[in-house]
Amino acid sequence: MYKLYSMQRSGNSYKVRLALALLNAPYKAIEIDILRGESRTPDFLARNPSGQVPLLEIGEGRYLAESNAILWYVAGGTPLAPESRMDRAEALQWMFFEQHALEPNIGAAYFWLSLVRGGRELHAYSLEDWMERGYAALQVMENHLRTRDFFAAGQLTVADIALFGYTHVAHLCDYDLTSFPAVRAWLSRVEAAPGFVNMEWKPELVSGEDTGIAATM
């Protein structure tokens, strides 16, 4: 059984939990609160030197980091991972887009404005850039979805899950999706998928303290 080290409110972590739920794949969830330093302890850094979540433990001593790499791994051999060479490349194209255009802007805004106390004041200088580049990314998505239900292969894939992670919380960090009807319709389609769970849904959780990797408080 997989062990997933993740943070409940992290969009990157949620992407993996959502994929596992859609696949009905069993796993043990271990909550790591990065805001309390639980991803920077020696024990956790021994598992993932980058000190980030999500982190998937595949087997004894075998760990996989980076949310989109984890998505691709768990989806392998399932309908969430396209079979044809072109469809796979298109899915990867949108997953790369998510990491360089969406996550650094909407993801950053969500983290600092919604999760970190005082984050708006700390990063007031960055907000204008996040808004501009985030809206530009949403417009690219809107243009694509005007004639398509999903991002790749004509069906729900890991590309949609990757993009859903932070797009669905954009409204919590000052983004207005009113002028993006195709994006909003796509969000609803993803939410209608069998097995869908929202970010607040909690599997059986094990705290970082129970695994000896939590920060000393």
Protein backbone atom coordinates (compact mmCIF):
# COMPACT_ATOMS: atom_id res chain seq x y z
CA MET A 1 0.00 0.00 0.00
CA TYR A 2 1.20 3.49 -0.82
CA LYS A 3 2.03 5.97 1.92
CA LEU A 4 1.29 9.55 0.94
CA TYR A 5 2.95 12.36 2.88
CA SER A 6 0.80 15.40 2.16
CA MET A 7 -0.68 18.57 3.59
CA GLN A 8 -4.46 18.83 3.63
CA ARG A 9 -4.60 22.42 2.35
CA SER A 10 -1.86 22.08 -0.26
CA GLY A 11 -3.08 22.15 -3.86
CA ASN A 12 -0.16 20.01 -4.99
CA SER A 13 -0.94 17.44 -2.31
CA TYR A 14 -4.64 17.52 -3.14
CA LYS A 15 -3.89 16.65 -6.78
CA VAL A 16 -2.44 13.32 -5.69
CA ARG A 17 -5.21 12.58 -3.19
CA LEU A 18 -7.78 13.32 -5.90
CA ALA A 19 -6.10 11.00 -8.40
CA LEU A 20 -5.92 8.18 -5.85
CA ALA A 21 -9.59 8.70 -4.98
CA LEU A 22 -10.65 8.65 -8.65
CA LEU A 23 -8.67 5.44 -9.09
CA ASN A 24 -10.05 3.97 -5.85
CA ALA A 25 -6.45 3.18 -4.91
CA PRO A 26 -5.78 2.36 -1.25
CA TYR A 27 -3.14 4.36 0.58
CA LYS A 28 -2.18 5.60 4.02
CA ALA A 29 -2.24 9.39 4.35
CA ILE A 30 0.36 11.01 6.59
CA GLU A 31 -0.31 14.66 7.34
CA ILE A 32 2.73 16.94 7.10
CA ASP A 33 2.15 20.57 8.06
CA ILE A 34 4.79 22.56 6.20
CA LEU A 35 3.72 25.71 8.04
CA ARG A 36 4.95 24.10 11.26
CA GLY A 37 8.22 22.98 9.75
CA GLU A 38 7.27 19.31 9.60
CA SER A 39 8.80 18.91 6.13
CA ARG A 40 12.18 20.26 7.28
CA THR A 41 13.01 17.73 9.97
CA PRO A 42 16.03 15.43 9.50
CA ASP A 43 13.76 12.40 9.21
CA PHE A 44 11.62 13.92 6.47
CA LEU A 45 14.59 15.39 4.60
CA ALA A 46 16.10 11.90 4.54
CA ARG A 47 13.02 10.86 2.58
CA ASN A 48 12.84 13.96 0.38
CA PRO A 49 15.85 16.31 0.41
CA SER A 50 13.78 19.10 -1.17
CA GLY A 51 11.64 19.24 1.96
CA GLN A 52 8.38 19.39 0.03
CA VAL A 53 5.04 17.61 -0.09
CA PRO A 54 3.49 15.61 -1.58
CA LEU A 55 5.81 12.65 -1.28
CA LEU A 56 4.74 9.12 -2.20
CA GLU A 57 6.32 6.11 -0.53
CA ILE A 58 6.03 3.36 -3.13
CA GLY A 59 7.82 0.66 -1.18
CA GLU A 60 10.35 0.27 1.58
CA GLY A 61 12.88 3.04 1.02
CA ARG A 62 11.41 4.01 -2.39
CA TYR A 63 10.09 7.57 -2.55
CA LEU A 64 8.73 9.69 -5.37
CA ALA A 65 8.48 13.48 -5.11
CA GLU A 66 6.95 16.20 -7.35
CA SER A 67 3.17 16.11 -7.63
CA ASN A 68 2.95 15.66 -11.39
CA ALA A 69 5.53 12.87 -11.42
CA ILE A 70 3.46 11.14 -8.73
CA LEU A 71 0.30 11.65 -10.79
CA TRP A 72 1.91 10.04 -13.81
CA TYR A 73 3.16 7.11 -11.72
CA VAL A 74 -0.13 6.28 -9.97
CA ALA A 75 -2.15 6.73 -13.17
CA GLY A 76 0.03 4.41 -15.26
CA GLY A 77 -2.03 1.69 -16.91
CA THR A 78 -5.35 3.40 -16.07
CA PRO A 79 -7.74 5.57 -18.14
CA LEU A 80 -6.26 8.66 -16.47
CA ALA A 81 -3.02 8.13 -18.42
CA PRO A 82 -3.55 8.38 -22.21
CA GLU A 83 -2.36 5.46 -24.28
CA SER A 84 -1.43 6.99 -27.63
CA ARG A 85 1.91 8.73 -28.06
CA MET A 86 0.31 12.04 -29.09
CA ASP A 87 -2.29 11.99 -26.32
CA ARG A 88 0.43 11.32 -23.73
CA ALA A 89 2.50 14.20 -25.09
CA GLU A 90 -0.51 16.51 -24.99
CA ALA A 91 -1.25 15.56 -21.39
CA LEU A 92 2.37 16.21 -20.45
CA GLN A 93 2.26 19.53 -22.29
CA TRP A 94 -0.56 20.72 -20.03
CA MET A 95 1.13 19.33 -16.92
CA PHE A 96 4.27 21.31 -17.79
CA PHE A 97 2.05 24.36 -18.37
CA GLU A 98 0.53 23.88 -14.93
CA GLN A 99 3.94 23.92 -13.29
CA HIS A 100 5.41 26.93 -15.10
CA ALA A 101 2.34 29.14 -15.67
CA LEU A 102 -0.40 28.23 -13.18
CA GLU A 103 1.19 26.92 -9.98
CA PRO A 104 3.83 29.69 -9.62
CA ASN A 105 1.11 32.34 -9.80
CA ILE A 106 -2.29 31.08 -8.66
CA GLY A 107 -0.59 28.52 -6.43
CA ALA A 108 1.66 31.15 -4.88
CA ALA A 109 -1.26 33.54 -4.38
CA TYR A 110 -3.31 30.79 -2.74
CA PHE A 111 -0.48 29.84 -0.39
CA TRP A 112 0.38 33.35 0.76
CA LEU A 113 -3.09 34.91 0.76
CA SER A 114 -5.12 31.97 2.04
CA LEU A 115 -2.80 29.87 4.19
CA VAL A 116 -0.13 32.12 5.71
CA ARG A 117 -1.20 34.62 8.34
CA GLY A 118 0.03 38.04 7.25
CA GLY A 119 1.04 36.67 3.86
CA ARG A 120 -0.78 39.41 1.95
CA GLU A 121 1.31 42.07 3.66
CA LEU A 122 4.53 40.09 3.28
CA HIS A 123 4.03 39.69 -0.48
CA ALA A 124 2.06 42.80 -1.41
CA TYR A 125 4.76 43.59 -3.96
CA SER A 126 4.21 40.23 -5.71
CA LEU A 127 0.43 40.31 -5.87
CA GLU A 128 0.13 42.39 -9.03
CA ASP A 129 2.46 40.05 -10.93
CA TRP A 130 0.65 36.96 -9.62
CA MET A 131 -2.67 38.41 -10.75
CA GLU A 132 -1.44 39.38 -14.20
CA ARG A 133 0.31 36.11 -14.95
CA GLY A 134 -2.40 34.00 -13.30
CA TYR A 135 -5.12 35.62 -15.39
CA ALA A 136 -2.99 35.06 -18.51
CA ALA A 137 -2.77 31.34 -17.66
CA LEU A 138 -6.52 31.17 -17.10
CA GLN A 139 -7.08 32.78 -20.49
CA VAL A 140 -4.94 30.13 -22.20
CA MET A 141 -7.04 27.47 -20.48
CA GLU A 142 -10.27 29.23 -21.41
CA ASN A 143 -9.30 29.40 -25.08
CA HIS A 144 -8.48 25.68 -25.12
CA LEU A 145 -11.67 24.63 -23.33
CA ARG A 146 -14.02 26.61 -25.56
CA THR A 147 -14.04 23.68 -28.00
CA ARG A 148 -13.09 20.81 -25.67
CA ASP A 149 -14.45 19.20 -22.53
CA PHE A 150 -11.04 18.22 -21.16
CA PHE A 151 -7.41 19.13 -21.78
CA ALA A 152 -6.09 16.00 -23.49
CA ALA A 153 -7.24 12.81 -25.21
CA GLY A 154 -10.89 13.93 -25.19
CA GLN A 155 -11.38 12.61 -21.66
CA LEU A 156 -10.47 13.20 -18.03
CA THR A 157 -6.74 12.61 -17.57
CA VAL A 158 -3.95 13.44 -15.17
CA ALA A 159 -3.60 16.75 -17.05
CA ASP A 160 -7.02 17.82 -15.79
CA ILE A 161 -6.19 16.73 -12.25
CA ALA A 162 -2.93 18.68 -12.31
CA LEU A 163 -4.67 21.85 -13.50
CA PHE A 164 -7.67 21.40 -11.21
CA GLY A 165 -5.56 21.47 -8.04
CA TYR A 166 -5.07 25.23 -7.93
CA THR A 167 -7.66 26.45 -10.46
CA HIS A 168 -10.50 25.33 -8.21
CA VAL A 169 -9.23 27.52 -5.33
CA ALA A 170 -8.42 30.58 -7.47
CA HIS A 171 -11.48 32.38 -6.12
CA LEU A 172 -10.03 32.13 -2.60
CA CYS A 173 -7.06 34.31 -3.55
CA ASP A 174 -8.61 37.27 -5.38
CA TYR A 175 -9.14 35.72 -8.83
CA ASP A 176 -12.54 36.32 -10.41
CA LEU A 177 -13.57 33.46 -12.72
CA THR A 178 -16.72 35.21 -13.99
CA SER A 179 -15.18 35.92 -17.37
CA PHE A 180 -13.96 32.32 -17.79
CA PRO A 181 -17.15 30.32 -18.45
CA ALA A 182 -15.38 27.44 -20.19
CA VAL A 183 -13.03 27.04 -17.22
CA ARG A 184 -15.95 27.07 -14.80
CA ALA A 185 -17.81 24.47 -16.85
CA TRP A 186 -14.68 22.30 -16.90
CA LEU A 187 -14.34 22.58 -13.11
CA SER A 188 -17.90 21.27 -12.82
CA ARG A 189 -17.14 18.36 -15.16
CA VAL A 190 -14.16 17.33 -13.06
CA GLU A 191 -16.24 17.57 -9.89
CA ALA A 192 -18.87 15.31 -11.49
CA ALA A 193 -16.36 12.50 -12.11
CA PRO A 194 -17.14 9.25 -10.24
CA GLY A 195 -15.02 9.03 -7.12
CA PHE A 196 -14.34 12.78 -6.93
CA VAL A 197 -13.42 14.13 -3.50
CA ASN A 198 -12.95 17.75 -2.54
CA MET A 199 -9.90 19.23 -0.86
CA GLU A 200 -11.53 19.08 2.57
CA TRP A 201 -12.19 15.33 2.35
CA LYS A 202 -9.94 13.40 4.68
CA PRO A 203 -8.92 9.78 4.30
CA GLU A 204 -7.74 7.95 7.38
CA LEU A 205 -4.92 10.23 8.46
CA VAL A 206 -1.75 9.55 10.37
CA SER A 207 -0.07 12.61 11.81
CA GLY A 208 3.58 13.41 11.23
CA GLU A 209 4.11 13.07 14.96
CA ASP A 210 3.03 9.43 14.80
CA THR A 211 5.71 8.69 12.18
CA GLY A 212 8.53 10.48 13.97
CA ILE A 213 8.94 13.13 11.27
CA ALA A 214 7.16 16.09 12.81
CA ALA A 215 9.02 19.15 13.95
CA THR A 216 9.81 19.51 17.61
CA MET A 217 7.48 22.23 18.88
